[in-house]
Each structure stands twice: as structure tokens, then as C-alpha cells.
């Protein structure tokens, strides 16, 4: 009987660990959001790097259209290892940060931006991280 009680206790206690922390945000710190960070390299094979004008055009017609409620962009220097040559490639990078409701529509909007950048500027990939947070605007 003691084993049964311990087993039930373990299952009910550890179930919360597996499910993650779904507690709402504390009062005054906002609502749950997903914070998406995109890493968009400016190097383009076979030509000069992405120009400021090209970036501004992409920002105006693609990013703003998909993330109309706001976003933040900053410049960074990035690097990655080319899997074929095994050499580190360093490049100027645009980092786009956006906090959105945790919905399928949010992920779809971010994916449209990623896909458009990758296609339009011939990128092998556009890096992305996603983290849960609380936000108030």
C-alpha cells in the first residue's frame, strides 16, 4: 500500500515538471508571449553584402506587413561554420526581435518573414530562437 501511495504521489508531483510551467504572468508584468529572435546574415553569395536600402525595402514591405504591431531590429556581427569547407564564415547580421501572443498565427507570421528573407536574399538559413516571456506594452 505504501508503494501505491508513493507511486501516486510521484506521478502527480512530477507531472507538473513534464508539462512545464503554465502559470500565468504575475500581476503587473503583462501577459504570456513568445519572444522570437531571428538572425539574418547580410552576406549574399556571388555579390556584395545586402545594402542598407535593400534591408529598408525588406523591412517596409515584408517585416512591417507581417509584424505590424511592432518589432525591434539591431545590427550584430555573426559567424557560422560552413559544413562543406569547415571554415568559419563571419558576416554582418541583422537581428530581429519580436514578442507575440503564443498562437499558431504568430509563428506563421514569423515564418513568412524568415522564408521571404531566405528566398529573396539567397540565404542558406535564417536562424531563429523562441523563448517564453511575460510582456506588457
Protein backbone atom coordinates (compact mmCIF):
# COMPACT_ATOMS: atom_id res chain seq x y z
CA UNK A 1 0.00 0.00 0.00
CA UNK A 2 2.87 2.36 0.81
CA UNK A 3 4.33 1.75 -2.68
CA UNK A 4 0.99 2.69 -4.25
CA UNK A 5 0.84 5.92 -2.26
CA UNK A 6 4.43 6.80 -3.22
CA UNK A 7 3.74 5.98 -6.89
CA UNK A 8 0.61 8.17 -6.95
CA UNK A 9 2.50 10.98 -5.22
CA UNK A 10 5.38 10.76 -7.71
CA UNK A 11 3.07 10.76 -10.72
CA UNK A 12 1.07 13.75 -9.52
CA UNK A 13 4.15 15.66 -8.32
CA UNK A 14 6.31 15.10 -11.40
CA UNK A 15 3.50 15.62 -13.89
CA UNK A 16 3.90 19.37 -13.47
CA UNK A 17 7.60 19.14 -14.36
CA UNK A 18 6.87 17.38 -17.63
CA UNK A 19 4.15 19.81 -18.62
CA UNK A 20 6.25 22.91 -17.97
CA UNK A 21 5.28 25.99 -16.02
CA UNK A 22 1.93 27.15 -17.37
CA UNK A 23 1.36 29.63 -14.56
CA UNK A 24 0.09 33.00 -15.79
CA UNK A 25 2.31 36.02 -15.56
CA UNK A 26 2.48 37.76 -12.19
CA UNK A 27 0.23 40.78 -11.76
CA UNK A 28 1.68 43.90 -13.31
CA UNK A 29 4.17 42.15 -15.61
CA UNK A 30 1.90 41.55 -18.56
CA UNK A 31 0.65 38.54 -20.48
CA UNK A 32 2.39 35.40 -21.73
CA UNK A 33 4.15 35.85 -25.08
CA UNK A 34 6.65 34.06 -27.27
CA UNK A 35 9.80 36.10 -27.95
CA UNK A 36 11.13 35.30 -31.42
CA UNK A 37 14.69 36.27 -32.33
CA UNK A 38 15.71 35.99 -35.99
CA UNK A 39 19.33 36.09 -37.18
CA UNK A 40 19.59 37.30 -40.78
CA UNK A 41 23.03 37.34 -42.35
CA UNK A 42 23.80 40.12 -44.79
CA UNK A 43 26.35 38.21 -46.90
CA UNK A 44 24.95 37.12 -50.26
CA UNK A 45 26.84 34.58 -52.38
CA UNK A 46 28.18 35.94 -55.65
CA UNK A 47 27.66 39.62 -54.88
CA UNK A 48 28.22 42.37 -52.36
CA UNK A 49 26.51 42.24 -48.96
CA UNK A 50 22.90 43.29 -48.52
CA UNK A 51 22.74 47.08 -48.75
CA UNK A 52 21.01 49.35 -46.26
CA UNK A 53 18.50 50.24 -48.98
CA UNK A 54 17.69 46.59 -49.66
CA UNK A 55 17.25 45.99 -45.94
CA UNK A 56 14.97 49.03 -45.60
CA UNK A 57 12.87 47.85 -48.51
CA UNK A 58 12.54 44.36 -46.97
CA UNK A 59 11.67 45.93 -43.62
CA UNK A 60 8.97 48.10 -45.19
CA UNK A 61 7.31 45.56 -47.47
CA UNK A 62 7.77 42.27 -45.60
CA UNK A 63 8.61 42.70 -41.92
CA UNK A 64 6.17 45.50 -41.16
CA UNK A 65 3.43 43.83 -43.20
CA UNK A 66 3.73 40.64 -41.13
CA UNK A 67 4.62 42.11 -37.74
CA UNK A 68 2.53 45.27 -37.80
CA UNK A 69 2.25 45.58 -34.00
CA UNK A 70 5.95 46.22 -33.60
CA UNK A 71 9.41 44.70 -33.55
CA UNK A 72 13.00 45.67 -32.81
CA UNK A 73 15.97 45.35 -35.16
CA UNK A 74 19.63 45.79 -34.37
CA UNK A 75 22.97 45.20 -36.09
CA UNK A 76 25.33 42.45 -34.99
CA UNK A 77 28.36 40.56 -36.18
CA UNK A 78 27.80 36.84 -36.58
CA UNK A 79 29.53 33.73 -37.71
CA UNK A 80 28.84 30.12 -38.65
CA UNK A 81 30.81 27.14 -39.85
CA UNK A 82 30.37 26.19 -43.49
CA UNK A 83 29.58 22.46 -43.33
CA UNK A 84 31.38 21.77 -46.63
CA UNK A 85 34.60 23.74 -46.17
CA UNK A 86 34.57 23.57 -42.33
CA UNK A 87 35.69 27.21 -42.31
CA UNK A 88 34.14 29.86 -40.12
CA UNK A 89 32.27 32.48 -42.12
CA UNK A 90 31.85 35.84 -40.39
CA UNK A 91 29.31 38.36 -41.56
CA UNK A 92 27.30 41.40 -40.64
CA UNK A 93 23.89 40.33 -39.36
CA UNK A 94 20.51 41.88 -38.72
CA UNK A 95 18.81 40.62 -35.55
CA UNK A 96 15.03 40.97 -35.41
CA UNK A 97 13.30 40.63 -32.04
CA UNK A 98 9.53 40.40 -31.66
CA UNK A 99 7.21 39.42 -28.79
CA UNK A 100 3.92 37.91 -29.95
CA UNK A 101 1.00 36.03 -28.42
CA UNK A 102 1.65 32.29 -28.19
CA UNK A 103 -0.55 31.33 -31.15
CA UNK A 104 -0.10 29.44 -34.44
CA UNK A 105 -0.76 32.72 -36.25
CA UNK A 106 2.27 34.31 -34.58
CA UNK A 107 4.57 31.51 -35.69
CA UNK A 108 3.11 31.71 -39.20
CA UNK A 109 3.84 35.46 -39.37
CA UNK A 110 7.44 34.95 -38.25
CA UNK A 111 7.88 32.06 -40.68
CA UNK A 112 6.68 34.28 -43.55
CA UNK A 113 9.42 36.79 -42.69
CA UNK A 114 12.08 34.05 -42.41
CA UNK A 115 11.07 32.40 -45.69
CA UNK A 116 10.90 35.69 -47.56
CA UNK A 117 14.37 36.74 -46.39
CA UNK A 118 15.86 33.36 -47.18
CA UNK A 119 14.36 33.31 -50.67
CA UNK A 120 14.83 36.95 -51.60
CA UNK A 121 18.47 37.16 -50.47
CA UNK A 122 19.56 33.61 -51.30
CA UNK A 123 20.30 32.60 -47.71
CA UNK A 124 21.06 29.03 -46.70
CA UNK A 125 19.12 29.62 -43.48
CA UNK A 126 17.70 32.23 -41.15
CA UNK A 127 18.38 31.37 -37.52
CA UNK A 128 15.57 31.57 -35.00
CA UNK A 129 15.21 31.18 -31.27
CA UNK A 130 11.94 31.25 -29.36
CA UNK A 131 11.57 31.84 -25.63
CA UNK A 132 8.54 32.24 -23.37
CA UNK A 133 8.20 35.54 -21.52
CA UNK A 134 5.75 37.94 -19.94
CA UNK A 135 5.22 41.27 -21.71
CA UNK A 136 3.28 44.48 -21.25
CA UNK A 137 3.11 47.21 -23.88
